[in-house]
């Protein structure tokens, strides 16, 4: 039986430091429906190995760095776009989102 929710990440730029919060959302909710509040937001995709990440952002930040995004993932290793939970395995790709948010690695 398929789970009715997905774990997505809300990434926020808190004074130059990345804050990550996990958020359970309905599997059936459109990908552009939420960041920290329900609304209608633009979104984009990023490919990394056998995953396609999607992230929503605020309209006024379309052509600039993002202050807050919600990130989800499709697994494409079966040749289909299947939404899956964000997990510890996805931490290796955080640098991609740090660049979008203009955050530097503290190390």
PDB file of N, CA and C in Angstrom:
ATOM      1  N   UNK A   1       0.831  -1.187   0.000  1.00  0.00           N
ATOM      2  CA  UNK A   1       0.000   0.000   0.000  1.00  0.00           C
ATOM      3  C   UNK A   1       0.874   1.248   0.000  1.00  0.00           C
ATOM      4  N   UNK A   2       0.564   2.158  -0.882  1.00  0.00           N
ATOM      5  CA  UNK A   2       1.347   3.373  -1.029  1.00  0.00           C
ATOM      6  C   UNK A   2       1.035   4.353   0.104  1.00  0.00           C
ATOM      7  N   UNK A   3       2.095   4.922   0.666  1.00  0.00           N
ATOM      8  CA  UNK A   3       1.965   5.928   1.719  1.00  0.00           C
ATOM      9  C   UNK A   3       1.285   7.178   1.163  1.00  0.00           C
ATOM     10  N   UNK A   4       0.435   7.823   1.956  1.00  0.00           N
ATOM     11  CA  UNK A   4      -0.330   8.983   1.490  1.00  0.00           C
ATOM     12  C   UNK A   4       0.395  10.310   1.668  1.00  0.00           C
ATOM     13  N   UNK A   5       1.578  10.272   2.291  1.00  0.00           N
ATOM     14  CA  UNK A   5       2.336  11.517   2.463  1.00  0.00           C
ATOM     15  C   UNK A   5       3.773  11.315   1.999  1.00  0.00           C
ATOM     16  N   UNK A   6       4.435  12.430   1.772  1.00  0.00           N
ATOM     17  CA  UNK A   6       5.844  12.444   1.380  1.00  0.00           C
ATOM     18  C   UNK A   6       6.599  13.382   2.314  1.00  0.00           C
ATOM     19  N   UNK A   7       7.832  13.044   2.582  1.00  0.00           N
ATOM     20  CA  UNK A   7       8.702  13.942   3.340  1.00  0.00           C
ATOM     21  C   UNK A   7       9.407  14.856   2.350  1.00  0.00           C
ATOM     22  N   UNK A   8       9.199  16.155   2.530  1.00  0.00           N
ATOM     23  CA  UNK A   8       9.920  17.159   1.743  1.00  0.00           C
ATOM     24  C   UNK A   8      10.736  18.000   2.713  1.00  0.00           C
ATOM     25  N   UNK A   9      11.658  18.760   2.171  1.00  0.00           N
ATOM     26  CA  UNK A   9      12.477  19.640   2.996  1.00  0.00           C
ATOM     27  C   UNK A   9      12.085  21.084   2.744  1.00  0.00           C
ATOM     28  N   UNK A  10      12.031  21.843   3.827  1.00  0.00           N
ATOM     29  CA  UNK A  10      11.950  23.298   3.712  1.00  0.00           C
ATOM     30  C   UNK A  10      13.334  23.818   4.085  1.00  0.00           C
ATOM     31  N   UNK A  11      13.984  24.470   3.129  1.00  0.00           N
ATOM     32  CA  UNK A  11      15.316  25.044   3.347  1.00  0.00           C
ATOM     33  C   UNK A  11      15.166  26.554   3.441  1.00  0.00           C
ATOM     34  N   UNK A  12      15.759  27.130   4.479  1.00  0.00           N
ATOM     35  CA  UNK A  12      15.641  28.557   4.737  1.00  0.00           C
ATOM     36  C   UNK A  12      17.024  29.141   4.978  1.00  0.00           C
ATOM     37  N   UNK A  13      17.247  30.330   4.439  1.00  0.00           N
ATOM     38  CA  UNK A  13      18.468  31.080   4.694  1.00  0.00           C
ATOM     39  C   UNK A  13      18.233  31.910   5.948  1.00  0.00           C
ATOM     40  N   UNK A  14      18.821  31.474   7.052  1.00  0.00           N
ATOM     41  CA  UNK A  14      18.706  32.198   8.330  1.00  0.00           C
ATOM     42  C   UNK A  14      20.032  32.906   8.597  1.00  0.00           C
ATOM     43  N   UNK A  15      20.107  34.154   8.127  1.00  0.00           N
ATOM     44  CA  UNK A  15      21.301  34.982   8.324  1.00  0.00           C
ATOM     45  C   UNK A  15      22.555  34.283   7.817  1.00  0.00           C
ATOM     46  N   UNK A  16      22.458  33.709   6.616  1.00  0.00           N
ATOM     47  CA  UNK A  16      23.606  33.079   5.982  1.00  0.00           C
ATOM     48  C   UNK A  16      23.846  31.630   6.362  1.00  0.00           C
ATOM     49  N   UNK A  17      22.982  31.069   7.199  1.00  0.00           N
ATOM     50  CA  UNK A  17      23.117  29.673   7.632  1.00  0.00           C
ATOM     51  C   UNK A  17      21.908  28.891   7.119  1.00  0.00           C
ATOM     52  N   UNK A  18      22.168  27.741   6.542  1.00  0.00           N
ATOM     53  CA  UNK A  18      21.087  26.904   6.028  1.00  0.00           C
ATOM     54  C   UNK A  18      20.341  26.228   7.165  1.00  0.00           C
ATOM     55  N   UNK A  19      19.023  26.423   7.185  1.00  0.00           N
ATOM     56  CA  UNK A  19      18.165  25.734   8.145  1.00  0.00           C
ATOM     57  C   UNK A  19      17.323  24.741   7.356  1.00  0.00           C
ATOM     58  N   UNK A  20      17.295  23.493   7.801  1.00  0.00           N
ATOM     59  CA  UNK A  20      16.552  22.434   7.131  1.00  0.00           C
ATOM     60  C   UNK A  20      15.490  21.902   8.073  1.00  0.00           C
ATOM     61  N   UNK A  21      14.245  21.896   7.603  1.00  0.00           N
ATOM     62  CA  UNK A  21      13.143  21.310   8.363  1.00  0.00           C
ATOM     63  C   UNK A  21      12.456  20.287   7.472  1.00  0.00           C
ATOM     64  N   UNK A  22      12.133  19.145   8.036  1.00  0.00           N
ATOM     65  CA  UNK A  22      11.362  18.158   7.294  1.00  0.00           C
ATOM     66  C   UNK A  22       9.882  18.489   7.416  1.00  0.00           C
ATOM     67  N   UNK A  23       9.149  18.251   6.341  1.00  0.00           N
ATOM     68  CA  UNK A  23       7.720  18.545   6.317  1.00  0.00           C
ATOM     69  C   UNK A  23       7.006  17.391   5.625  1.00  0.00           C
ATOM     70  N   UNK A  24       6.008  16.834   6.294  1.00  0.00           N
ATOM     71  CA  UNK A  24       5.173  15.799   5.687  1.00  0.00           C
ATOM     72  C   UNK A  24       4.049  16.495   4.928  1.00  0.00           C
ATOM     73  N   UNK A  25       3.906  16.174   3.650  1.00  0.00           N
ATOM     74  CA  UNK A  25       2.858  16.753   2.819  1.00  0.00           C
ATOM     75  C   UNK A  25       2.119  15.634   2.099  1.00  0.00           C
ATOM     76  N   UNK A  26       0.922  15.912   1.669  1.00  0.00           N
ATOM     77  CA  UNK A  26       0.131  14.925   0.940  1.00  0.00           C
ATOM     78  C   UNK A  26       0.833  14.537  -0.357  1.00  0.00           C
ATOM     79  N   UNK A  27       0.863  13.271  -0.634  1.00  0.00           N
ATOM     80  CA  UNK A  27       1.433  12.754  -1.883  1.00  0.00           C
ATOM     81  C   UNK A  27       0.706  13.339  -3.095  1.00  0.00           C
ATOM     82  N   UNK A  28      -0.543  13.741  -2.915  1.00  0.00           N
ATOM     83  CA  UNK A  28      -1.380  14.195  -4.019  1.00  0.00           C
ATOM     84  C   UNK A  28      -1.399  15.719  -4.175  1.00  0.00           C
ATOM     85  N   UNK A  29      -0.704  16.429  -3.292  1.00  0.00           N
ATOM     86  CA  UNK A  29      -0.636  17.884  -3.381  1.00  0.00           C
ATOM     87  C   UNK A  29       0.246  18.283  -4.563  1.00  0.00           C
ATOM     88  N   UNK A  30      -0.198  19.240  -5.397  1.00  0.00           N
ATOM     89  CA  UNK A  30       0.668  19.702  -6.491  1.00  0.00           C
ATOM     90  C   UNK A  30       2.013  20.197  -5.961  1.00  0.00           C
ATOM     91  N   UNK A  31       3.074  19.990  -6.733  1.00  0.00           N
ATOM     92  CA  UNK A  31       4.418  20.313  -6.240  1.00  0.00           C
ATOM     93  C   UNK A  31       4.635  21.796  -6.011  1.00  0.00           C
ATOM     94  N   UNK A  32       3.828  22.644  -6.624  1.00  0.00           N
ATOM     95  CA  UNK A  32       4.018  24.090  -6.453  1.00  0.00           C
ATOM     96  C   UNK A  32       3.028  24.695  -5.466  1.00  0.00           C
ATOM     97  N   UNK A  33       2.455  23.896  -4.589  1.00  0.00           N
ATOM     98  CA  UNK A  33       1.369  24.363  -3.728  1.00  0.00           C
ATOM     99  C   UNK A  33       1.833  24.879  -2.366  1.00  0.00           C
ATOM    100  N   UNK A  34       3.055  24.579  -1.969  1.00  0.00           N
ATOM    101  CA  UNK A  34       3.452  24.953  -0.617  1.00  0.00           C
ATOM    102  C   UNK A  34       4.948  25.233  -0.529  1.00  0.00           C
ATOM    103  N   UNK A  35       5.289  26.177   0.324  1.00  0.00           N
ATOM    104  CA  UNK A  35       6.652  26.323   0.846  1.00  0.00           C
ATOM    105  C   UNK A  35       6.446  26.192   2.343  1.00  0.00           C
ATOM    106  N   UNK A  36       6.471  27.295   3.083  1.00  0.00           N
ATOM    107  CA  UNK A  36       6.118  27.205   4.501  1.00  0.00           C
ATOM    108  C   UNK A  36       4.632  27.497   4.701  1.00  0.00           C
ATOM    109  N   UNK A  37       4.006  28.097   3.688  1.00  0.00           N
ATOM    110  CA  UNK A  37       2.568  28.370   3.717  1.00  0.00           C
ATOM    111  C   UNK A  37       1.960  27.897   2.403  1.00  0.00           C
ATOM    112  N   UNK A  38       0.684  27.563   2.460  1.00  0.00           N
ATOM    113  CA  UNK A  38      -0.022  27.147   1.256  1.00  0.00           C
ATOM    114  C   UNK A  38      -0.185  28.348   0.326  1.00  0.00           C
ATOM    115  N   UNK A  39       0.032  28.129  -0.956  1.00  0.00           N
ATOM    116  CA  UNK A  39      -0.098  29.162  -1.978  1.00  0.00           C
ATOM    117  C   UNK A  39       0.128  28.531  -3.333  1.00  0.00           C
ATOM    118  N   UNK A  40       0.385  29.347  -4.320  1.00  0.00           N
ATOM    119  CA  UNK A  40       0.776  28.853  -5.638  1.00  0.00           C
ATOM    120  C   UNK A  40       2.122  29.478  -5.954  1.00  0.00           C
ATOM    121  N   UNK A  41       3.138  28.655  -6.148  1.00  0.00           N
ATOM    122  CA  UNK A  41       4.505  29.120  -6.285  1.00  0.00           C
ATOM    123  C   UNK A  41       5.132  28.602  -7.576  1.00  0.00           C
ATOM    124  N   UNK A  42       6.079  29.365  -8.122  1.00  0.00           N
ATOM    125  CA  UNK A  42       6.840  28.837  -9.249  1.00  0.00           C
ATOM    126  C   UNK A  42       7.733  27.693  -8.759  1.00  0.00           C
ATOM    127  N   UNK A  43       8.150  26.848  -9.676  1.00  0.00           N
ATOM    128  CA  UNK A  43       9.035  25.754  -9.306  1.00  0.00           C
ATOM    129  C   UNK A  43      10.005  25.479 -10.440  1.00  0.00           C
ATOM    130  N   UNK A  44      11.051  24.732 -10.110  1.00  0.00           N
ATOM    131  CA  UNK A  44      12.070  24.364 -11.090  1.00  0.00           C
ATOM    132  C   UNK A  44      12.576  22.971 -10.751  1.00  0.00           C
ATOM    133  N   UNK A  45      13.353  22.386 -11.657  1.00  0.00           N
ATOM    134  CA  UNK A  45      13.896  21.047 -11.496  1.00  0.00           C
ATOM    135  C   UNK A  45      15.412  21.071 -11.579  1.00  0.00           C
ATOM    136  N   UNK A  46      16.040  20.138 -10.878  1.00  0.00           N
ATOM    137  CA  UNK A  46      17.485  19.935 -10.937  1.00  0.00           C
ATOM    138  C   UNK A  46      17.736  18.433 -11.026  1.00  0.00           C
ATOM    139  N   UNK A  47      18.568  18.013 -11.976  1.00  0.00           N
ATOM    140  CA  UNK A  47      18.909  16.601 -12.104  1.00  0.00           C
ATOM    141  C   UNK A  47      20.221  16.318 -11.383  1.00  0.00           C
ATOM    142  N   UNK A  48      20.242  15.206 -10.644  1.00  0.00           N
ATOM    143  CA  UNK A  48      21.454  14.768  -9.949  1.00  0.00           C
ATOM    144  C   UNK A  48      21.462  13.238  -9.936  1.00  0.00           C
ATOM    145  N   UNK A  49      22.367  12.657 -10.674  1.00  0.00           N
ATOM    146  CA  UNK A  49      22.447  11.193 -10.825  1.00  0.00           C
ATOM    147  C   UNK A  49      21.099  10.642 -11.268  1.00  0.00           C
ATOM    148  N   UNK A  50      20.534   9.692 -10.515  1.00  0.00           N
ATOM    149  CA  UNK A  50      19.260   9.090 -10.932  1.00  0.00           C
ATOM    150  C   UNK A  50      18.064   9.743 -10.244  1.00  0.00           C
ATOM    151  N   UNK A  51      18.250  10.953  -9.735  1.00  0.00           N
ATOM    152  CA  UNK A  51      17.173  11.683  -9.082  1.00  0.00           C
ATOM    153  C   UNK A  51      16.888  12.975  -9.842  1.00  0.00           C
ATOM    154  N   UNK A  52      15.653  13.380  -9.778  1.00  0.00           N
ATOM    155  CA  UNK A  52      15.272  14.709 -10.241  1.00  0.00           C
ATOM    156  C   UNK A  52      14.661  15.407  -9.030  1.00  0.00           C
ATOM    157  N   UNK A  53      15.292  16.507  -8.620  1.00  0.00           N
ATOM    158  CA  UNK A  53      14.780  17.298  -7.509  1.00  0.00           C
ATOM    159  C   UNK A  53      13.904  18.408  -8.065  1.00  0.00           C
ATOM    160  N   UNK A  54      12.869  18.741  -7.340  1.00  0.00           N
ATOM    161  CA  UNK A  54      12.040  19.883  -7.687  1.00  0.00           C
ATOM    162  C   UNK A  54      11.997  20.787  -6.465  1.00  0.00           C
ATOM    163  N   UNK A  55      11.956  22.070  -6.724  1.00  0.00           N
ATOM    164  CA  UNK A  55      11.886  23.008  -5.599  1.00  0.00           C
ATOM    165  C   UNK A  55      10.967  24.161  -5.962  1.00  0.00           C
ATOM    166  N   UNK A  56      10.214  24.592  -4.972  1.00  0.00           N
ATOM    167  CA  UNK A  56       9.330  25.742  -5.122  1.00  0.00           C
ATOM    168  C   UNK A  56       9.983  26.939  -4.437  1.00  0.00           C
ATOM    169  N   UNK A  57       9.677  28.118  -4.956  1.00  0.00           N
ATOM    170  CA  UNK A  57      10.283  29.333  -4.415  1.00  0.00           C
ATOM    171  C   UNK A  57       9.294  30.477  -4.553  1.00  0.00           C
ATOM    172  N   UNK A  58       9.604  31.580  -3.899  1.00  0.00           N
ATOM    173  CA  UNK A  58       8.735  32.754  -3.938  1.00  0.00           C
ATOM    174  C   UNK A  58       8.868  33.459  -5.284  1.00  0.00           C
ATOM    175  N   UNK A  59       7.741  33.894  -5.820  1.00  0.00           N
ATOM    176  CA  UNK A  59       7.685  34.540  -7.143  1.00  0.00           C
ATOM    177  C   UNK A  59       8.657  35.713  -7.260  1.00  0.00           C
ATOM    178  N   UNK A  60       8.743  36.539  -6.223  1.00  0.00           N
ATOM    179  CA  UNK A  60       9.605  37.728  -6.298  1.00  0.00           C
ATOM    180  C   UNK A  60      11.093  37.362  -6.301  1.00  0.00           C
ATOM    181  N   UNK A  61      11.434  36.095  -6.085  1.00  0.00           N
ATOM    182  CA  UNK A  61      12.835  35.648  -6.104  1.00  0.00           C
ATOM    183  C   UNK A  61      13.161  34.833  -7.345  1.00  0.00           C
ATOM    184  N   UNK A  62      12.315  34.948  -8.355  1.00  0.00           N
ATOM    185  CA  UNK A  62      12.480  34.135  -9.561  1.00  0.00           C
ATOM    186  C   UNK A  62      13.867  34.281 -10.186  1.00  0.00           C
ATOM    187  N   UNK A  63      14.368  35.492 -10.312  1.00  0.00           N
ATOM    188  CA  UNK A  63      15.635  35.738 -10.988  1.00  0.00           C
ATOM    189  C   UNK A  63      16.758  36.124 -10.041  1.00  0.00           C
ATOM    190  N   UNK A  64      16.654  35.696  -8.805  1.00  0.00           N
ATOM    191  CA  UNK A  64      17.682  36.024  -7.826  1.00  0.00           C
ATOM    192  C   UNK A  64      17.860  34.840  -6.875  1.00  0.00           C
ATOM    193  N   UNK A  65      18.682  35.027  -5.861  1.00  0.00           N
ATOM    194  CA  UNK A  65      18.877  33.962  -4.873  1.00  0.00           C
ATOM    195  C   UNK A  65      17.612  33.762  -4.058  1.00  0.00           C
ATOM    196  N   UNK A  66      17.417  32.538  -3.611  1.00  0.00           N
ATOM    197  CA  UNK A  66      16.201  32.176  -2.893  1.00  0.00           C
ATOM    198  C   UNK A  66      16.419  32.265  -1.385  1.00  0.00           C
ATOM    199  N   UNK A  67      15.413  32.764  -0.660  1.00  0.00           N
ATOM    200  CA  UNK A  67      15.502  32.847   0.797  1.00  0.00           C
ATOM    201  C   UNK A  67      14.879  31.626   1.464  1.00  0.00           C
ATOM    202  N   UNK A  68      13.946  30.988   0.751  1.00  0.00           N
ATOM    203  CA  UNK A  68      13.243  29.837   1.303  1.00  0.00           C
ATOM    204  C   UNK A  68      12.742  28.994   0.128  1.00  0.00           C
ATOM    205  N   UNK A  69      12.988  27.686   0.197  1.00  0.00           N
ATOM    206  CA  UNK A  69      12.500  26.784  -0.840  1.00  0.00           C
ATOM    207  C   UNK A  69      11.981  25.498  -0.201  1.00  0.00           C
ATOM    208  N   UNK A  70      11.062  24.844  -0.895  1.00  0.00           N
ATOM    209  CA  UNK A  70      10.645  23.506  -0.497  1.00  0.00           C
ATOM    210  C   UNK A  70      11.166  22.553  -1.563  1.00  0.00           C
ATOM    211  N   UNK A  71      11.831  21.487  -1.105  1.00  0.00           N
ATOM    212  CA  UNK A  71      12.490  20.553  -2.008  1.00  0.00           C
ATOM    213  C   UNK A  71      11.860  19.174  -1.890  1.00  0.00           C
ATOM    214  N   UNK A  72      11.615  18.569  -3.032  1.00  0.00           N
ATOM    215  CA  UNK A  72      11.147  17.192  -3.103  1.00  0.00           C
ATOM    216  C   UNK A  72      11.953  16.454  -4.147  1.00  0.00           C
ATOM    217  N   UNK A  73      11.686  15.172  -4.288  1.00  0.00           N
ATOM    218  CA  UNK A  73      12.504  14.374  -5.204  1.00  0.00           C
ATOM    219  C   UNK A  73      11.650  13.355  -5.943  1.00  0.00           C
ATOM    220  N   UNK A  74      11.993  13.186  -7.211  1.00  0.00           N
ATOM    221  CA  UNK A  74      11.491  12.075  -8.015  1.00  0.00           C
ATOM    222  C   UNK A  74      12.625  11.084  -8.170  1.00  0.00           C
ATOM    223  N   UNK A  75      12.344   9.816  -8.037  1.00  0.00           N
ATOM    224  CA  UNK A  75      13.313   8.773  -8.342  1.00  0.00           C
ATOM    225  C   UNK A  75      13.057   8.333  -9.771  1.00  0.00           C
ATOM    226  N   UNK A  76      14.069   8.361 -10.597  1.00  0.00           N
ATOM    227  CA  UNK A  76      13.898   8.038 -12.015  1.00  0.00           C
ATOM    228  C   UNK A  76      14.644   6.783 -12.425  1.00  0.00           C
ATOM    229  N   UNK A  77      15.157   6.021 -11.465  1.00  0.00           N
ATOM    230  CA  UNK A  77      15.950   4.846 -11.842  1.00  0.00           C
ATOM    231  C   UNK A  77      15.113   3.749 -12.496  1.00  0.00           C
ATOM    232  N   UNK A  78      13.799   3.830 -12.424  1.00  0.00           N
ATOM    233  CA  UNK A  78      12.927   2.864 -13.099  1.00  0.00           C
ATOM    234  C   UNK A  78      12.471   3.387 -14.449  1.00  0.00           C
ATOM    235  N   UNK A  79      12.916   4.572 -14.832  1.00  0.00           N
ATOM    236  CA  UNK A  79      12.494   5.183 -16.076  1.00  0.00           C
ATOM    237  C   UNK A  79      11.198   5.968 -15.941  1.00  0.00           C
ATOM    238  N   UNK A  80      10.647   6.028 -14.742  1.00  0.00           N
ATOM    239  CA  UNK A  80       9.430   6.785 -14.470  1.00  0.00           C
ATOM    240  C   UNK A  80       9.732   7.863 -13.438  1.00  0.00           C
ATOM    241  N   UNK A  81       8.862   8.859 -13.368  1.00  0.00           N
ATOM    242  CA  UNK A  81       9.018   9.938 -12.385  1.00  0.00           C
ATOM    243  C   UNK A  81       8.159   9.603 -11.172  1.00  0.00           C
ATOM    244  N   UNK A  82       8.741   8.907 -10.198  1.00  0.00           N
ATOM    245  CA  UNK A  82       8.016   8.507  -8.998  1.00  0.00           C
ATOM    246  C   UNK A  82       8.415   9.399  -7.828  1.00  0.00           C
ATOM    247  N   UNK A  83       7.471  10.121  -7.208  1.00  0.00           N
ATOM    248  CA  UNK A  83       7.825  10.942  -6.047  1.00  0.00           C
ATOM    249  C   UNK A  83       8.193  10.049  -4.867  1.00  0.00           C
ATOM    250  N   UNK A  84       9.257  10.426  -4.180  1.00  0.00           N
ATOM    251  CA  UNK A  84       9.733   9.661  -3.025  1.00  0.00           C
ATOM    252  C   UNK A  84      10.075  10.613  -1.896  1.00  0.00           C
ATOM    253  N   UNK A  85      10.222  10.064  -0.703  1.00  0.00           N
ATOM    254  CA  UNK A  85      10.599  10.854   0.461  1.00  0.00           C
ATOM    255  C   UNK A  85      12.022  11.384   0.331  1.00  0.00           C
ATOM    256  N   UNK A  86      12.237  12.574   0.842  1.00  0.00           N
ATOM    257  CA  UNK A  86      13.597  13.065   1.034  1.00  0.00           C
ATOM    258  C   UNK A  86      14.170  12.262   2.196  1.00  0.00           C
ATOM    259  N   UNK A  87      15.452  11.954   2.139  1.00  0.00           N
ATOM    260  CA  UNK A  87      16.060  11.111   3.168  1.00  0.00           C
ATOM    261  C   UNK A  87      17.493  11.550   3.426  1.00  0.00           C
ATOM    262  N   UNK A  88      18.149  10.841   4.322  1.00  0.00           N
ATOM    263  CA  UNK A  88      19.554  11.139   4.632  1.00  0.00           C
ATOM    264  C   UNK A  88      20.433  11.029   3.389  1.00  0.00           C
ATOM    265  N   UNK A  89      20.071  10.171   2.459  1.00  0.00           N
ATOM    266  CA  UNK A  89      20.846  10.025   1.220  1.00  0.00           C
ATOM    267  C   UNK A  89      20.912  11.327   0.430  1.00  0.00           C
ATOM    268  N   UNK A  90      19.927  12.191   0.597  1.00  0.00           N
ATOM    269  CA  UNK A  90      19.868  13.436  -0.162  1.00  0.00           C
ATOM    270  C   UNK A  90      20.785  14.524   0.391  1.00  0.00           C
ATOM    271  N   UNK A  91      21.317  14.320   1.582  1.00  0.00           N
ATOM    272  CA  UNK A  91      22.222  15.319   2.161  1.00  0.00           C
ATOM    273  C   UNK A  91      23.429  15.577   1.270  1.00  0.00           C
ATOM    274  N   UNK A  92      23.855  14.571   0.504  1.00  0.00           N
ATOM    275  CA  UNK A  92      25.026  14.771  -0.348  1.00  0.00           C
ATOM    276  C   UNK A  92      24.772  15.801  -1.449  1.00  0.00           C
ATOM    277  N   UNK A  93      23.515  16.134  -1.711  1.00  0.00           N
ATOM    278  CA  UNK A  93      23.174  17.111  -2.744  1.00  0.00           C
ATOM    279  C   UNK A  93      22.817  18.481  -2.182  1.00  0.00           C
ATOM    280  N   UNK A  94      22.974  18.679  -0.895  1.00  0.00           N
ATOM    281  CA  UNK A  94      22.633  19.974  -0.291  1.00  0.00           C
ATOM    282  C   UNK A  94      23.415  21.128  -0.907  1.00  0.00           C
ATOM    283  N   UNK A  95      24.629  20.879  -1.372  1.00  0.00           N
ATOM    284  CA  UNK A  95      25.432  21.952  -1.969  1.00  0.00           C
ATOM    285  C   UNK A  95      24.738  22.578  -3.175  1.00  0.00           C
ATOM    286  N   UNK A  96      23.984  21.778  -3.920  1.00  0.00           N
ATOM    287  CA  UNK A  96      23.237  22.302  -5.068  1.00  0.00           C
ATOM    288  C   UNK A  96      22.274  23.391  -4.594  1.00  0.00           C
ATOM    289  N   UNK A  97      21.581  23.121  -3.514  1.00  0.00           N
ATOM    290  CA  UNK A  97      20.584  24.069  -3.021  1.00  0.00           C
ATOM    291  C   UNK A  97      21.226  25.240  -2.294  1.00  0.00           C
ATOM    292  N   UNK A  98      22.381  25.016  -1.695  1.00  0.00           N
ATOM    293  CA  UNK A  98      23.109  26.134  -1.074  1.00  0.00           C
ATOM    294  C   UNK A  98      23.474  27.168  -2.131  1.00  0.00           C
ATOM    295  N   UNK A  99      23.844  26.716  -3.330  1.00  0.00           N
ATOM    296  CA  UNK A  99      24.183  27.656  -4.409  1.00  0.00           C
ATOM    297  C   UNK A  99      22.968  28.458  -4.831  1.00  0.00           C
ATOM    298  N   UNK A 100      21.819  27.804  -4.948  1.00  0.00           N
ATOM    299  CA  UNK A 100      20.586  28.494  -5.301  1.00  0.00           C
ATOM    300  C   UNK A 100      20.238  29.561  -4.283  1.00  0.00           C
ATOM    301  N   UNK A 101      20.593  29.286  -3.031  1.00  0.00           N
ATOM    302  CA  UNK A 101      20.262  30.196  -1.944  1.00  0.00           C
ATOM    303  C   UNK A 101      21.419  31.129  -1.594  1.00  0.00           C
ATOM    304  N   UNK A 102      22.505  31.063  -2.359  1.00  0.00           N
ATOM    305  CA  UNK A 102      23.701  31.888  -2.156  1.00  0.00           C
ATOM    306  C   UNK A 102      24.294  31.692  -0.768  1.00  0.00           C
ATOM    307  N   UNK A 103      24.364  30.440  -0.336  1.00  0.00           N
ATOM    308  CA  UNK A 103      24.950  30.107   0.963  1.00  0.00           C
ATOM    309  C   UNK A 103      26.299  29.448   0.750  1.00  0.00           C
ATOM    310  N   UNK A 104      27.212  29.785   1.578  1.00  0.00           N
ATOM    311  CA  UNK A 104      28.547  29.191   1.527  1.00  0.00           C
ATOM    312  C   UNK A 104      28.624  28.053   2.548  1.00  0.00           C
ATOM    313  N   UNK A 105      29.463  27.091   2.247  1.00  0.00           N
ATOM    314  CA  UNK A 105      29.702  26.008   3.204  1.00  0.00           C
ATOM    315  C   UNK A 105      30.573  26.561   4.320  1.00  0.00           C
ATOM    316  N   UNK A 106      30.188  26.351   5.595  1.00  0.00           N
ATOM    317  CA  UNK A 106      30.961  26.920   6.692  1.00  0.00           C
ATOM    318  C   UNK A 106      32.367  26.332   6.828  1.00  0.00           C
ATOM    319  N   UNK A 107      32.634  25.198   6.187  1.00  0.00           N
ATOM    320  CA  UNK A 107      33.974  24.565   6.286  1.00  0.00           C
ATOM    321  C   UNK A 107      34.903  25.058   5.223  1.00  0.00           C
TER     322      UNK A 107
END
